[in-house]
Amino acid sequence: MRTETIEKWQTLIQQQAISDLPITRFCKEKQISPTCFYKYKSQLQTDTQSSIKKSFIKVQAPVMSNTSAAIKIQYQQTTLTLASTLEPMWLATLLKAFA
């Protein structure tokens, strides 16, 4: 569909919506076919809906590896690995014990 045609029908569809006239009366006053009006209105709505659907993308949450779900404490030659789900107060108490 040509750009001029699209713009023409978009304008007519907007004018009809603003006018509060029934489509048949609006078409009669504008001397256009109601059949064409309905055709372009339907086609433009379908085009708009499909372009909206194309503008969304599916987002996937990142996969967490087991190593990122752990707290590692390293001191000299010793490494202590703790689950990241442990209570923060417990970890604070542990660290205070090393101080």
PDB file of N, CA and C in Angstrom:
ATOM      1  N   MET A   1       0.855  -1.168   0.000  1.00  0.00           N
ATOM      2  CA  MET A   1       0.000   0.000   0.000  1.00  0.00           C
ATOM      3  C   MET A   1       0.903   1.233   0.000  1.00  0.00           C
ATOM      4  N   ARG A   2       0.592   2.189  -0.822  1.00  0.00           N
ATOM      5  CA  ARG A   2       1.400   3.398  -0.945  1.00  0.00           C
ATOM      6  C   ARG A   2       1.256   4.282   0.295  1.00  0.00           C
ATOM      7  N   THR A   3       2.302   5.026   0.573  1.00  0.00           N
ATOM      8  CA  THR A   3       2.320   5.885   1.753  1.00  0.00           C
ATOM      9  C   THR A   3       1.203   6.914   1.736  1.00  0.00           C
ATOM     10  N   GLU A   4       0.947   7.504   0.550  1.00  0.00           N
ATOM     11  CA  GLU A   4      -0.126   8.500   0.464  1.00  0.00           C
ATOM     12  C   GLU A   4      -1.475   7.880   0.798  1.00  0.00           C
ATOM     13  N   THR A   5      -1.668   6.663   0.308  1.00  0.00           N
ATOM     14  CA  THR A   5      -2.930   5.966   0.555  1.00  0.00           C
ATOM     15  C   THR A   5      -3.087   5.665   2.042  1.00  0.00           C
ATOM     16  N   ILE A   6      -2.021   5.187   2.655  1.00  0.00           N
ATOM     17  CA  ILE A   6      -2.068   4.873   4.090  1.00  0.00           C
ATOM     18  C   ILE A   6      -2.393   6.129   4.885  1.00  0.00           C
ATOM     19  N   GLU A   7      -1.681   7.212   4.587  1.00  0.00           N
ATOM     20  CA  GLU A   7      -1.906   8.464   5.317  1.00  0.00           C
ATOM     21  C   GLU A   7      -3.323   8.988   5.108  1.00  0.00           C
ATOM     22  N   LYS A   8      -3.819   8.875   3.872  1.00  0.00           N
ATOM     23  CA  LYS A   8      -5.180   9.342   3.555  1.00  0.00           C
ATOM     24  C   LYS A   8      -6.199   8.585   4.399  1.00  0.00           C
ATOM     25  N   TRP A   9      -6.078   7.244   4.429  1.00  0.00           N
ATOM     26  CA  TRP A   9      -7.050   6.443   5.155  1.00  0.00           C
ATOM     27  C   TRP A   9      -6.887   6.589   6.662  1.00  0.00           C
ATOM     28  N   GLN A  10      -5.671   6.748   7.145  1.00  0.00           N
ATOM     29  CA  GLN A  10      -5.485   6.985   8.578  1.00  0.00           C
ATOM     30  C   GLN A  10      -6.173   8.287   8.990  1.00  0.00           C
ATOM     31  N   THR A  11      -6.022   9.308   8.155  1.00  0.00           N
ATOM     32  CA  THR A  11      -6.662  10.590   8.430  1.00  0.00           C
ATOM     33  C   THR A  11      -8.183  10.450   8.425  1.00  0.00           C
ATOM     34  N   LEU A  12      -8.721   9.755   7.425  1.00  0.00           N
ATOM     35  CA  LEU A  12     -10.172   9.566   7.339  1.00  0.00           C
ATOM     36  C   LEU A  12     -10.701   8.780   8.547  1.00  0.00           C
ATOM     37  N   ILE A  13      -9.974   7.745   8.938  1.00  0.00           N
ATOM     38  CA  ILE A  13     -10.408   6.924  10.080  1.00  0.00           C
ATOM     39  C   ILE A  13     -10.400   7.766  11.357  1.00  0.00           C
ATOM     40  N   GLN A  14      -9.381   8.593  11.535  1.00  0.00           N
ATOM     41  CA  GLN A  14      -9.317   9.471  12.703  1.00  0.00           C
ATOM     42  C   GLN A  14     -10.437  10.509  12.673  1.00  0.00           C
ATOM     43  N   GLN A  15     -10.692  11.073  11.505  1.00  0.00           N
ATOM     44  CA  GLN A  15     -11.769  12.065  11.368  1.00  0.00           C
ATOM     45  C   GLN A  15     -13.117  11.448  11.726  1.00  0.00           C
ATOM     46  N   GLN A  16     -13.357  10.243  11.271  1.00  0.00           N
ATOM     47  CA  GLN A  16     -14.629   9.578  11.562  1.00  0.00           C
ATOM     48  C   GLN A  16     -14.759   9.346  13.069  1.00  0.00           C
ATOM     49  N   ALA A  17     -13.681   8.906  13.713  1.00  0.00           N
ATOM     50  CA  ALA A  17     -13.729   8.641  15.153  1.00  0.00           C
ATOM     51  C   ALA A  17     -14.018   9.921  15.936  1.00  0.00           C
ATOM     52  N   ILE A  18     -13.425  11.016  15.521  1.00  0.00           N
ATOM     53  CA  ILE A  18     -13.630  12.304  16.195  1.00  0.00           C
ATOM     54  C   ILE A  18     -15.032  12.863  15.928  1.00  0.00           C
ATOM     55  N   SER A  19     -15.536  12.603  14.737  1.00  0.00           N
ATOM     56  CA  SER A  19     -16.825  13.184  14.344  1.00  0.00           C
ATOM     57  C   SER A  19     -18.016  12.598  15.091  1.00  0.00           C
ATOM     58  N   ASP A  20     -17.881  11.436  15.644  1.00  0.00           N
ATOM     59  CA  ASP A  20     -18.983  10.732  16.311  1.00  0.00           C
ATOM     60  C   ASP A  20     -20.127  10.390  15.361  1.00  0.00           C
ATOM     61  N   LEU A  21     -19.867  10.481  14.066  1.00  0.00           N
ATOM     62  CA  LEU A  21     -20.876  10.087  13.074  1.00  0.00           C
ATOM     63  C   LEU A  21     -20.773   8.584  12.833  1.00  0.00           C
ATOM     64  N   PRO A  22     -21.907   7.942  12.541  1.00  0.00           N
ATOM     65  CA  PRO A  22     -21.833   6.543  12.124  1.00  0.00           C
ATOM     66  C   PRO A  22     -21.009   6.449  10.830  1.00  0.00           C
ATOM     67  N   ILE A  23     -20.345   5.350  10.636  1.00  0.00           N
ATOM     68  CA  ILE A  23     -19.478   5.189   9.467  1.00  0.00           C
ATOM     69  C   ILE A  23     -20.234   5.417   8.172  1.00  0.00           C
ATOM     70  N   THR A  24     -21.446   4.892   8.076  1.00  0.00           N
ATOM     71  CA  THR A  24     -22.209   5.048   6.826  1.00  0.00           C
ATOM     72  C   THR A  24     -22.490   6.521   6.514  1.00  0.00           C
ATOM     73  N   ARG A  25     -22.843   7.283   7.535  1.00  0.00           N
ATOM     74  CA  ARG A  25     -23.127   8.708   7.308  1.00  0.00           C
ATOM     75  C   ARG A  25     -21.834   9.474   6.992  1.00  0.00           C
ATOM     76  N   PHE A  26     -20.782   9.166   7.713  1.00  0.00           N
ATOM     77  CA  PHE A  26     -19.483   9.807   7.474  1.00  0.00           C
ATOM     78  C   PHE A  26     -19.034   9.550   6.031  1.00  0.00           C
ATOM     79  N   CYS A  27     -19.137   8.298   5.600  1.00  0.00           N
ATOM     80  CA  CYS A  27     -18.732   7.943   4.236  1.00  0.00           C
ATOM     81  C   CYS A  27     -19.583   8.665   3.192  1.00  0.00           C
ATOM     82  N   LYS A  28     -20.861   8.787   3.463  1.00  0.00           N
ATOM     83  CA  LYS A  28     -21.750   9.473   2.529  1.00  0.00           C
ATOM     84  C   LYS A  28     -21.343  10.946   2.401  1.00  0.00           C
ATOM     85  N   GLU A  29     -21.041  11.585   3.535  1.00  0.00           N
ATOM     86  CA  GLU A  29     -20.631  12.999   3.503  1.00  0.00           C
ATOM     87  C   GLU A  29     -19.276  13.178   2.812  1.00  0.00           C
ATOM     88  N   LYS A  30     -18.372  12.213   2.978  1.00  0.00           N
ATOM     89  CA  LYS A  30     -17.044  12.307   2.361  1.00  0.00           C
ATOM     90  C   LYS A  30     -17.023  11.711   0.952  1.00  0.00           C
ATOM     91  N   GLN A  31     -18.148  11.147   0.542  1.00  0.00           N
ATOM     92  CA  GLN A  31     -18.288  10.518  -0.775  1.00  0.00           C
ATOM     93  C   GLN A  31     -17.257   9.401  -0.990  1.00  0.00           C
ATOM     94  N   ILE A  32     -17.192   8.534   0.023  1.00  0.00           N
ATOM     95  CA  ILE A  32     -16.331   7.344  -0.090  1.00  0.00           C
ATOM     96  C   ILE A  32     -17.159   6.106   0.177  1.00  0.00           C
ATOM     97  N   SER A  33     -16.697   5.004  -0.300  1.00  0.00           N
ATOM     98  CA  SER A  33     -17.414   3.745  -0.140  1.00  0.00           C
ATOM     99  C   SER A  33     -17.249   3.219   1.294  1.00  0.00           C
ATOM    100  N   PRO A  34     -18.369   2.889   1.949  1.00  0.00           N
ATOM    101  CA  PRO A  34     -18.267   2.298   3.289  1.00  0.00           C
ATOM    102  C   PRO A  34     -17.473   0.986   3.274  1.00  0.00           C
ATOM    103  N   THR A  35     -17.611   0.234   2.183  1.00  0.00           N
ATOM    104  CA  THR A  35     -16.868  -1.028   2.058  1.00  0.00           C
ATOM    105  C   THR A  35     -15.366  -0.765   2.088  1.00  0.00           C
ATOM    106  N   CYS A  36     -14.916   0.238   1.338  1.00  0.00           N
ATOM    107  CA  CYS A  36     -13.487   0.601   1.337  1.00  0.00           C
ATOM    108  C   CYS A  36     -13.059   1.098   2.711  1.00  0.00           C
ATOM    109  N   PHE A  37     -13.918   1.889   3.351  1.00  0.00           N
ATOM    110  CA  PHE A  37     -13.590   2.407   4.672  1.00  0.00           C
ATOM    111  C   PHE A  37     -13.332   1.255   5.647  1.00  0.00           C
ATOM    112  N   TYR A  38     -14.262   0.303   5.680  1.00  0.00           N
ATOM    113  CA  TYR A  38     -14.104  -0.847   6.576  1.00  0.00           C
ATOM    114  C   TYR A  38     -12.863  -1.663   6.218  1.00  0.00           C
ATOM    115  N   LYS A  39     -12.607  -1.819   4.931  1.00  0.00           N
ATOM    116  CA  LYS A  39     -11.448  -2.591   4.475  1.00  0.00           C
ATOM    117  C   LYS A  39     -10.152  -1.964   4.973  1.00  0.00           C
ATOM    118  N   TYR A  40      -9.983  -0.669   4.741  1.00  0.00           N
ATOM    119  CA  TYR A  40      -8.752   0.002   5.152  1.00  0.00           C
ATOM    120  C   TYR A  40      -8.638   0.112   6.672  1.00  0.00           C
ATOM    121  N   LYS A  41      -9.753   0.326   7.327  1.00  0.00           N
ATOM    122  CA  LYS A  41      -9.735   0.393   8.794  1.00  0.00           C
ATOM    123  C   LYS A  41      -9.260  -0.934   9.369  1.00  0.00           C
ATOM    124  N   SER A  42      -9.786  -2.017   8.860  1.00  0.00           N
ATOM    125  CA  SER A  42      -9.381  -3.342   9.320  1.00  0.00           C
ATOM    126  C   SER A  42      -7.910  -3.623   9.001  1.00  0.00           C
ATOM    127  N   GLN A  43      -7.517  -3.279   7.791  1.00  0.00           N
ATOM    128  CA  GLN A  43      -6.142  -3.539   7.353  1.00  0.00           C
ATOM    129  C   GLN A  43      -5.139  -2.722   8.175  1.00  0.00           C
ATOM    130  N   LEU A  44      -5.443  -1.475   8.416  1.00  0.00           N
ATOM    131  CA  LEU A  44      -4.530  -0.633   9.191  1.00  0.00           C
ATOM    132  C   LEU A  44      -4.452  -1.076  10.649  1.00  0.00           C
ATOM    133  N   GLN A  45      -5.556  -1.535  11.216  1.00  0.00           N
ATOM    134  CA  GLN A  45      -5.538  -2.042  12.591  1.00  0.00           C
ATOM    135  C   GLN A  45      -4.695  -3.313  12.666  1.00  0.00           C
ATOM    136  N   THR A  46      -4.824  -4.193  11.676  1.00  0.00           N
ATOM    137  CA  THR A  46      -4.043  -5.434  11.643  1.00  0.00           C
ATOM    138  C   THR A  46      -2.559  -5.119  11.509  1.00  0.00           C
ATOM    139  N   ASP A  47      -2.213  -4.175  10.635  1.00  0.00           N
ATOM    140  CA  ASP A  47      -0.806  -3.783  10.459  1.00  0.00           C
ATOM    141  C   ASP A  47      -0.233  -3.224  11.752  1.00  0.00           C
ATOM    142  N   THR A  48      -1.013  -2.398  12.446  1.00  0.00           N
ATOM    143  CA  THR A  48      -0.559  -1.792  13.695  1.00  0.00           C
ATOM    144  C   THR A  48      -0.342  -2.862  14.758  1.00  0.00           C
ATOM    145  N   GLN A  49      -1.278  -3.800  14.869  1.00  0.00           N
ATOM    146  CA  GLN A  49      -1.158  -4.853  15.869  1.00  0.00           C
ATOM    147  C   GLN A  49       0.040  -5.759  15.586  1.00  0.00           C
ATOM    148  N   SER A  50       0.287  -6.090  14.330  1.00  0.00           N
ATOM    149  CA  SER A  50       1.417  -6.955  14.017  1.00  0.00           C
ATOM    150  C   SER A  50       2.742  -6.234  14.243  1.00  0.00           C
ATOM    151  N   SER A  51       2.796  -4.929  14.007  1.00  0.00           N
ATOM    152  CA  SER A  51       4.040  -4.190  14.263  1.00  0.00           C
ATOM    153  C   SER A  51       4.290  -4.076  15.760  1.00  0.00           C
ATOM    154  N   ILE A  52       3.244  -3.988  16.555  1.00  0.00           N
ATOM    155  CA  ILE A  52       3.401  -3.960  18.009  1.00  0.00           C
ATOM    156  C   ILE A  52       3.943  -5.299  18.488  1.00  0.00           C
ATOM    157  N   LYS A  53       3.412  -6.387  17.966  1.00  0.00           N
ATOM    158  CA  LYS A  53       3.893  -7.713  18.366  1.00  0.00           C
ATOM    159  C   LYS A  53       5.355  -7.900  17.992  1.00  0.00           C
ATOM    160  N   LYS A  54       5.776  -7.366  16.849  1.00  0.00           N
ATOM    161  CA  LYS A  54       7.154  -7.510  16.403  1.00  0.00           C
ATOM    162  C   LYS A  54       8.112  -6.676  17.250  1.00  0.00           C
ATOM    163  N   SER A  55       7.622  -5.673  17.946  1.00  0.00           N
ATOM    164  CA  SER A  55       8.500  -4.809  18.714  1.00  0.00           C
ATOM    165  C   SER A  55       8.873  -5.386  20.077  1.00  0.00           C
ATOM    166  N   PHE A  56       8.254  -6.478  20.478  1.00  0.00           N
ATOM    167  CA  PHE A  56       8.581  -7.119  21.738  1.00  0.00           C
ATOM    168  C   PHE A  56       9.517  -8.292  21.502  1.00  0.00           C
ATOM    169  N   ILE A  57      10.461  -8.473  22.413  1.00  0.00           N
ATOM    170  CA  ILE A  57      11.357  -9.615  22.331  1.00  0.00           C
ATOM    171  C   ILE A  57      11.242 -10.425  23.618  1.00  0.00           C
ATOM    172  N   LYS A  58      11.517 -11.693  23.511  1.00  0.00           N
ATOM    173  CA  LYS A  58      11.453 -12.564  24.668  1.00  0.00           C
ATOM    174  C   LYS A  58      12.739 -12.421  25.464  1.00  0.00           C
ATOM    175  N   VAL A  59      12.601 -12.233  26.759  1.00  0.00           N
ATOM    176  CA  VAL A  59      13.760 -12.079  27.631  1.00  0.00           C
ATOM    177  C   VAL A  59      13.872 -13.321  28.492  1.00  0.00           C
ATOM    178  N   GLN A  60      15.085 -13.830  28.579  1.00  0.00           N
ATOM    179  CA  GLN A  60      15.325 -14.995  29.417  1.00  0.00           C
ATOM    180  C   GLN A  60      16.226 -14.599  30.569  1.00  0.00           C
ATOM    181  N   ALA A  61      15.913 -15.120  31.729  1.00  0.00           N
ATOM    182  CA  ALA A  61      16.735 -14.843  32.906  1.00  0.00           C
ATOM    183  C   ALA A  61      18.075 -15.560  32.757  1.00  0.00           C
ATOM    184  N   PRO A  62      19.149 -14.929  33.208  1.00  0.00           N
ATOM    185  CA  PRO A  62      20.455 -15.581  33.099  1.00  0.00           C
ATOM    186  C   PRO A  62      20.518 -16.823  33.976  1.00  0.00           C
ATOM    187  N   VAL A  63      21.265 -17.801  33.517  1.00  0.00           N
ATOM    188  CA  VAL A  63      21.437 -19.040  34.269  1.00  0.00           C
ATOM    189  C   VAL A  63      22.563 -18.823  35.269  1.00  0.00           C
ATOM    190  N   MET A  64      22.265 -19.089  36.517  1.00  0.00           N
ATOM    191  CA  MET A  64      23.264 -18.905  37.557  1.00  0.00           C
ATOM    192  C   MET A  64      24.057 -20.202  37.720  1.00  0.00           C
ATOM    193  N   SER A  65      25.360 -20.078  37.720  1.00  0.00           N
ATOM    194  CA  SER A  65      26.186 -21.264  37.937  1.00  0.00           C
ATOM    195  C   SER A  65      26.361 -21.480  39.431  1.00  0.00           C
ATOM    196  N   ASN A  66      26.747 -22.674  39.804  1.00  0.00           N
ATOM    197  CA  ASN A  66      26.917 -23.010  41.219  1.00  0.00           C
ATOM    198  C   ASN A  66      28.014 -22.168  41.875  1.00  0.00           C
ATOM    199  N   THR A  67      29.030 -21.807  41.103  1.00  0.00           N
ATOM    200  CA  THR A  67      30.124 -21.032  41.686  1.00  0.00           C
ATOM    201  C   THR A  67      29.689 -19.622  42.046  1.00  0.00           C
ATOM    202  N   SER A  68      28.746 -19.057  41.325  1.00  0.00           N
ATOM    203  CA  SER A  68      28.299 -17.710  41.649  1.00  0.00           C
ATOM    204  C   SER A  68      27.328 -17.705  42.822  1.00  0.00           C
ATOM    205  N   ALA A  69      26.836 -18.860  43.206  1.00  0.00           N
ATOM    206  CA  ALA A  69      25.908 -18.958  44.314  1.00  0.00           C
ATOM    207  C   ALA A  69      26.635 -19.319  45.601  1.00  0.00           C
ATOM    208  N   ALA A  70      27.932 -19.031  45.661  1.00  0.00           N
ATOM    209  CA  ALA A  70      28.710 -19.370  46.843  1.00  0.00           C
ATOM    210  C   ALA A  70      29.519 -18.164  47.296  1.00  0.00           C
ATOM    211  N   ILE A  71      29.829 -18.167  48.591  1.00  0.00           N
ATOM    212  CA  ILE A  71      30.700 -17.146  49.167  1.00  0.00           C
ATOM    213  C   ILE A  71      32.024 -17.836  49.457  1.00  0.00           C
ATOM    214  N   LYS A  72      33.096 -17.301  48.898  1.00  0.00           N
ATOM    215  CA  LYS A  72      34.409 -17.892  49.127  1.00  0.00           C
ATOM    216  C   LYS A  72      35.237 -16.949  49.994  1.00  0.00           C
ATOM    217  N   ILE A  73      35.792 -17.516  51.054  1.00  0.00           N
ATOM    218  CA  ILE A  73      36.689 -16.765  51.928  1.00  0.00           C
ATOM    219  C   ILE A  73      38.054 -17.443  51.825  1.00  0.00           C
ATOM    220  N   GLN A  74      39.053 -16.649  51.463  1.00  0.00           N
ATOM    221  CA  GLN A  74      40.388 -17.216  51.263  1.00  0.00           C
ATOM    222  C   GLN A  74      41.371 -16.496  52.173  1.00  0.00           C
ATOM    223  N   TYR A  75      42.126 -17.284  52.896  1.00  0.00           N
ATOM    224  CA  TYR A  75      43.175 -16.737  53.752  1.00  0.00           C
ATOM    225  C   TYR A  75      44.404 -17.604  53.587  1.00  0.00           C
ATOM    226  N   GLN A  76      45.467 -17.021  53.087  1.00  0.00           N
ATOM    227  CA  GLN A  76      46.722 -17.700  52.773  1.00  0.00           C
ATOM    228  C   GLN A  76      46.443 -18.931  51.909  1.00  0.00           C
ATOM    229  N   GLN A  77      46.667 -20.112  52.411  1.00  0.00           N
ATOM    230  CA  GLN A  77      46.511 -21.349  51.637  1.00  0.00           C
ATOM    231  C   GLN A  77      45.143 -22.016  51.851  1.00  0.00           C
ATOM    232  N   THR A  78      44.260 -21.379  52.610  1.00  0.00           N
ATOM    233  CA  THR A  78      42.980 -22.002  52.960  1.00  0.00           C
ATOM    234  C   THR A  78      41.824 -21.268  52.283  1.00  0.00           C
ATOM    235  N   THR A  79      40.902 -22.029  51.707  1.00  0.00           N
ATOM    236  CA  THR A  79      39.697 -21.464  51.093  1.00  0.00           C
ATOM    237  C   THR A  79      38.487 -22.076  51.768  1.00  0.00           C
ATOM    238  N   LEU A  80      37.603 -21.229  52.215  1.00  0.00           N
ATOM    239  CA  LEU A  80      36.354 -21.667  52.842  1.00  0.00           C
ATOM    240  C   LEU A  80      35.224 -21.270  51.899  1.00  0.00           C
ATOM    241  N   THR A  81      34.425 -22.225  51.442  1.00  0.00           N
ATOM    242  CA  THR A  81      33.307 -21.954  50.535  1.00  0.00           C
ATOM    243  C   THR A  81      32.008 -22.158  51.297  1.00  0.00           C
ATOM    244  N   LEU A  82      31.179 -21.118  51.291  1.00  0.00           N
ATOM    245  CA  LEU A  82      29.904 -21.157  52.013  1.00  0.00           C
ATOM    246  C   LEU A  82      28.757 -20.900  51.036  1.00  0.00           C
ATOM    247  N   ALA A  83      27.614 -21.453  51.335  1.00  0.00           N
ATOM    248  CA  ALA A  83      26.424 -21.220  50.507  1.00  0.00           C
ATOM    249  C   ALA A  83      26.008 -19.760  50.628  1.00  0.00           C
ATOM    250  N   SER A  84      25.590 -19.183  49.539  1.00  0.00           N
ATOM    251  CA  SER A  84      25.178 -17.770  49.564  1.00  0.00           C
ATOM    252  C   SER A  84      23.838 -17.581  50.264  1.00  0.00           C
ATOM    253  N   THR A  85      23.174 -18.669  50.612  1.00  0.00           N
ATOM    254  CA  THR A  85      21.868 -18.572  51.259  1.00  0.00           C
ATOM    255  C   THR A  85      21.953 -18.537  52.779  1.00  0.00           C
ATOM    256  N   LEU A  86      23.176 -18.593  53.340  1.00  0.00           N
ATOM    257  CA  LEU A  86      23.271 -18.593  54.794  1.00  0.00           C
ATOM    258  C   LEU A  86      22.943 -17.216  55.357  1.00  0.00           C
ATOM    259  N   GLU A  87      22.583 -17.188  56.631  1.00  0.00           N
ATOM    260  CA  GLU A  87      22.163 -15.949  57.281  1.00  0.00           C
ATOM    261  C   GLU A  87      23.319 -14.961  57.383  1.00  0.00           C
ATOM    262  N   PRO A  88      23.090 -13.702  57.044  1.00  0.00           N
ATOM    263  CA  PRO A  88      24.152 -12.692  57.123  1.00  0.00           C
ATOM    264  C   PRO A  88      24.733 -12.540  58.535  1.00  0.00           C
ATOM    265  N   MET A  89      23.892 -12.657  59.549  1.00  0.00           N
ATOM    266  CA  MET A  89      24.380 -12.530  60.933  1.00  0.00           C
ATOM    267  C   MET A  89      25.345 -13.662  61.280  1.00  0.00           C
ATOM    268  N   TRP A  90      25.064 -14.856  60.791  1.00  0.00           N
ATOM    269  CA  TRP A  90      25.948 -16.001  61.035  1.00  0.00           C
ATOM    270  C   TRP A  90      27.320 -15.729  60.422  1.00  0.00           C
ATOM    271  N   LEU A  91      27.321 -15.209  59.189  1.00  0.00           N
ATOM    272  CA  LEU A  91      28.570 -14.895  58.501  1.00  0.00           C
ATOM    273  C   LEU A  91      29.323 -13.788  59.245  1.00  0.00           C
ATOM    274  N   ALA A  92      28.612 -12.791  59.717  1.00  0.00           N
ATOM    275  CA  ALA A  92      29.245 -11.699  60.492  1.00  0.00           C
ATOM    276  C   ALA A  92      29.888 -12.235  61.751  1.00  0.00           C
ATOM    277  N   THR A  93      29.216 -13.140  62.432  1.00  0.00           N
ATOM    278  CA  THR A  93      29.756 -13.753  63.640  1.00  0.00           C
ATOM    279  C   THR A  93      31.011 -14.547  63.332  1.00  0.00           C
ATOM    280  N   LEU A  94      30.991 -15.292  62.225  1.00  0.00           N
ATOM    281  CA  LEU A  94      32.155 -16.083  61.801  1.00  0.00           C
ATOM    282  C   LEU A  94      33.335 -15.173  61.528  1.00  0.00           C
ATOM    283  N   LEU A  95      33.104 -14.079  60.787  1.00  0.00           N
ATOM    284  CA  LEU A  95      34.195 -13.165  60.451  1.00  0.00           C
ATOM    285  C   LEU A  95      34.748 -12.469  61.685  1.00  0.00           C
ATOM    286  N   LYS A  96      33.893 -12.142  62.620  1.00  0.00           N
ATOM    287  CA  LYS A  96      34.369 -11.535  63.887  1.00  0.00           C
ATOM    288  C   LYS A  96      35.262 -12.495  64.656  1.00  0.00           C
ATOM    289  N   ALA A  97      34.963 -13.798  64.550  1.00  0.00           N
ATOM    290  CA  ALA A  97      35.770 -14.801  65.251  1.00  0.00           C
ATOM    291  C   ALA A  97      37.183 -14.848  64.709  1.00  0.00           C
ATOM    292  N   PHE A  98      37.362 -14.522  63.431  1.00  0.00           N
ATOM    293  CA  PHE A  98      38.694 -14.521  62.832  1.00  0.00           C
ATOM    294  C   PHE A  98      39.471 -13.237  63.147  1.00  0.00           C
ATOM    295  N   ALA A  99      38.809 -12.214  63.616  1.00  0.00           N
ATOM    296  CA  ALA A  99      39.475 -10.918  63.836  1.00  0.00           C
ATOM    297  C   ALA A  99      40.303 -10.907  65.088  1.00  0.00           C
TER     298      ALA A  99
END
